[in-house]
Protein backbone atom coordinates (compact mmCIF):
# COMPACT_ATOMS: atom_id res chain seq x y z
CA MET A 1 100.70 25.68 133.58
CA ALA A 2 101.13 27.75 130.47
CA ARG A 3 102.04 31.41 130.64
CA LYS A 4 99.49 33.99 129.65
CA LYS A 5 100.11 35.68 126.30
CA SER A 6 100.47 39.45 126.27
CA ASN A 7 97.66 41.55 124.80
CA GLU A 8 99.93 42.64 121.94
CA LYS A 9 100.59 39.06 120.87
CA VAL A 10 96.90 38.16 121.12
CA GLU A 11 95.89 41.19 119.02
CA LYS A 12 98.56 40.36 116.43
CA ILE A 13 97.35 36.76 116.15
CA LEU A 14 93.73 37.88 115.82
CA ALA A 15 94.64 40.40 113.11
CA GLU A 16 96.44 37.69 111.13
CA ILE A 17 93.39 35.42 111.36
CA LYS A 18 91.01 38.18 110.28
CA ASN A 19 93.20 39.14 107.31
CA SER A 20 93.59 35.55 106.17
CA THR A 21 89.88 34.86 105.77
CA PRO A 22 88.78 33.92 102.26
CA LYS A 23 87.17 36.69 100.24
CA PHE A 24 85.64 34.70 97.37
CA LYS A 25 83.37 31.67 97.19
CA LEU A 26 83.30 29.72 93.96
CA LYS A 27 80.56 27.19 93.27
CA LEU A 28 81.97 24.55 90.92
CA ASP A 29 78.89 22.35 90.77
CA ASN A 30 75.86 21.46 92.91
CA LYS A 31 77.96 19.74 95.57
CA THR A 32 81.30 21.56 95.44
CA THR A 33 81.96 25.06 96.77
CA ILE A 34 85.49 26.37 97.42
CA THR A 35 86.79 29.50 99.12
CA LEU A 36 89.61 31.58 97.67
CA LYS A 37 91.63 34.53 98.93
CA THR A 38 92.76 36.33 95.79
CA GLN A 39 91.39 37.32 92.40
CA GLU A 40 94.25 35.45 90.71
CA GLN A 41 93.08 32.22 92.29
CA VAL A 42 89.54 32.90 91.10
CA ASN A 43 90.79 33.46 87.55
CA LYS A 44 92.77 30.21 87.61
CA TRP A 45 89.78 28.19 88.81
CA MET A 46 87.48 29.85 86.28
CA GLU A 47 89.82 28.65 83.51
CA MET A 48 89.59 25.07 84.79
CA TYR A 49 85.82 25.26 85.45
CA PRO A 50 84.20 27.71 83.00
CA LYS A 51 80.69 26.95 84.33
CA ALA A 52 81.64 27.90 87.89
CA GLU A 53 79.76 30.72 89.63
CA VAL A 54 81.27 33.33 91.95
CA ILE A 55 79.28 33.71 95.17
CA ILE A 56 80.02 36.73 97.35
């Protein structure tokens, strides 16, 4: 049997998951939508796909 994790460890893991969620959705075409975490990533993708739309 596995040992139970302490509440501190569980809260730390949950905080990491919540902070790592993507903040931007970028629609490249009708079929392709990607999620991005930072504005720099959005800028990079917008250079490659100028017709892309940012969905919040």
